[in-house]
Amino acid sequence: MKNFKRLPESELEAMIAVWHSEIPVRGSDLAAELTERRGWNKSTIFTLLLRLVEKGYLSCSKEGKNNYYTPLVGEEEYRAQESRSILNRFYSGSVRNFVAAFCNENELSEEELDQLRALVEEQSERR
């Protein structure tokens, strides 16, 4: 897995819009969606998209007057790295410490406990 810089919230919001679009996605379609959803103006959105291209998260191709964007980093790949980063920064890389902190703050439902058990079992079977 490549190492990526953590995205600021606004750039992450733009990436989520790209990830959840049909690829390649036209810049004006992203601008319309993010304007409606977040109230951002078009110049802000195109600045965010340019930053994401410069950072290596997106590629941009031009067809006529339209820019089309394609993700170079997958959503799951980014989430995995962000999760690992949070785990390392706040819990010294310990999944146990993370789960303990979470469980101390939130009462887990039986369904959530069953899901955790199934995940642990699945991980054990992979070994």
Protein backbone atom coordinates (compact mmCIF):
# COMPACT_ATOMS: atom_id res chain seq x y z
CA MET A 1 0.00 0.00 0.00
CA LYS A 2 1.24 3.48 -0.87
CA ASN A 3 1.41 6.14 1.80
CA PHE A 4 -0.92 9.06 1.25
CA LYS A 5 -1.21 12.34 3.01
CA ARG A 6 -4.32 12.70 5.13
CA LEU A 7 -6.87 14.78 3.26
CA PRO A 8 -8.50 17.85 4.79
CA GLU A 9 -12.27 17.48 5.24
CA SER A 10 -13.17 19.52 2.15
CA GLU A 11 -10.86 17.51 -0.13
CA LEU A 12 -12.10 14.26 1.39
CA GLU A 13 -15.68 15.35 0.68
CA ALA A 14 -14.73 15.93 -2.96
CA MET A 15 -13.01 12.52 -3.14
CA ILE A 16 -16.09 10.82 -1.69
CA ALA A 17 -18.17 12.46 -4.42
CA VAL A 18 -15.75 11.10 -7.04
CA TRP A 19 -15.67 7.62 -5.50
CA HIS A 20 -19.46 7.47 -5.51
CA SER A 21 -19.81 8.63 -9.12
CA GLU A 22 -19.63 6.80 -12.39
CA ILE A 23 -16.02 6.99 -13.52
CA PRO A 24 -14.73 9.04 -15.20
CA VAL A 25 -16.84 11.82 -13.74
CA ARG A 26 -17.26 15.18 -15.39
CA GLY A 27 -16.08 18.13 -13.30
CA SER A 28 -19.28 20.08 -13.88
CA ASP A 29 -21.31 17.13 -12.54
CA LEU A 30 -19.18 17.08 -9.38
CA ALA A 31 -19.56 20.83 -9.06
CA ALA A 32 -23.35 20.58 -9.34
CA GLU A 33 -23.52 17.80 -6.73
CA LEU A 34 -21.21 19.50 -4.23
CA THR A 35 -22.88 22.87 -4.73
CA GLU A 36 -26.24 21.30 -3.94
CA ARG A 37 -25.02 19.14 -1.06
CA ARG A 38 -22.51 21.48 0.59
CA GLY A 39 -23.35 24.92 -0.77
CA TRP A 40 -19.84 25.40 -2.13
CA ASN A 41 -19.30 27.65 -5.14
CA LYS A 42 -17.95 26.16 -8.35
CA SER A 43 -14.55 27.85 -8.17
CA THR A 44 -13.97 26.32 -4.72
CA ILE A 45 -14.86 22.88 -6.06
CA PHE A 46 -12.56 23.15 -9.07
CA THR A 47 -9.76 24.34 -6.76
CA LEU A 48 -10.31 21.24 -4.58
CA LEU A 49 -10.23 19.00 -7.66
CA LEU A 50 -7.00 20.64 -8.86
CA ARG A 51 -5.40 20.06 -5.45
CA LEU A 52 -6.44 16.41 -5.55
CA VAL A 53 -4.84 16.04 -9.00
CA GLU A 54 -1.65 17.72 -7.74
CA LYS A 55 -1.54 15.41 -4.70
CA GLY A 56 -1.92 12.32 -6.89
CA TYR A 57 -5.41 11.33 -5.75
CA LEU A 58 -7.08 12.05 -9.11
CA SER A 59 -6.18 12.10 -12.76
CA CYS A 60 -7.78 14.63 -15.06
CA SER A 61 -8.40 14.32 -18.78
CA LYS A 62 -9.88 16.99 -20.99
CA GLU A 63 -12.47 16.36 -23.70
CA GLY A 64 -13.51 19.55 -25.41
CA LYS A 65 -14.47 22.00 -22.67
CA ASN A 66 -15.02 19.26 -20.09
CA ASN A 67 -12.59 17.91 -17.51
CA TYR A 68 -13.09 14.29 -16.49
CA TYR A 69 -11.73 12.95 -13.21
CA THR A 70 -10.68 9.42 -12.34
CA PRO A 71 -9.55 8.35 -8.85
CA LEU A 72 -5.99 7.08 -8.56
CA VAL A 73 -6.56 6.08 -4.93
CA GLY A 74 -9.43 3.77 -4.04
CA GLU A 75 -11.87 4.52 -1.24
CA GLU A 76 -11.11 1.28 0.62
CA GLU A 77 -7.36 1.85 0.24
CA TYR A 78 -7.70 5.35 1.70
CA ARG A 79 -9.95 4.16 4.54
CA ALA A 80 -7.52 1.40 5.47
CA GLN A 81 -4.63 3.84 5.69
CA GLU A 82 -6.68 6.37 7.68
CA SER A 83 -7.79 3.63 10.08
CA ARG A 84 -4.22 2.48 10.61
CA SER A 85 -3.10 6.09 11.13
CA ILE A 86 -5.77 6.70 13.79
CA LEU A 87 -4.90 3.43 15.48
CA ASN A 88 -1.21 4.37 15.58
CA ARG A 89 -1.71 7.99 16.67
CA PHE A 90 -4.25 7.45 19.41
CA TYR A 91 -3.84 3.83 20.53
CA SER A 92 -0.15 3.03 19.98
CA GLY A 93 -1.13 0.65 17.19
CA SER A 94 -3.16 -1.52 19.56
CA VAL A 95 -6.50 -2.77 18.27
CA ARG A 96 -7.27 -4.00 21.79
CA ASN A 97 -6.80 -0.50 23.25
CA PHE A 98 -9.02 0.97 20.52
CA VAL A 99 -11.82 -1.52 21.09
CA ALA A 100 -11.52 -1.13 24.88
CA ALA A 101 -11.77 2.67 24.60
CA PHE A 102 -14.73 2.39 22.27
CA CYS A 103 -16.52 -0.14 24.48
CA ASN A 104 -15.95 2.00 27.58
CA GLU A 105 -17.69 4.93 25.89
CA ASN A 106 -20.46 3.06 24.06
CA GLU A 107 -22.62 0.15 25.08
CA LEU A 108 -22.52 -2.36 22.24
CA SER A 109 -25.69 -4.09 21.14
CA GLU A 110 -25.88 -7.86 20.87
CA GLU A 111 -25.83 -7.48 17.09
CA GLU A 112 -22.61 -5.43 17.23
CA LEU A 113 -21.02 -7.96 19.58
CA ASP A 114 -22.00 -10.77 17.21
CA GLN A 115 -20.44 -8.85 14.32
CA LEU A 116 -17.21 -8.38 16.30
CA ARG A 117 -17.13 -12.08 17.18
CA ALA A 118 -17.64 -13.00 13.53
CA LEU A 119 -14.85 -10.65 12.48
CA VAL A 120 -12.44 -12.12 15.03
CA GLU A 121 -13.39 -15.63 13.94
CA GLU A 122 -12.87 -14.72 10.27
CA GLN A 123 -9.44 -13.28 11.05
CA SER A 124 -8.48 -16.40 13.02
CA GLU A 125 -9.45 -18.64 10.10
CA ARG A 126 -7.20 -16.68 7.72
CA ARG A 127 -4.11 -17.61 9.74
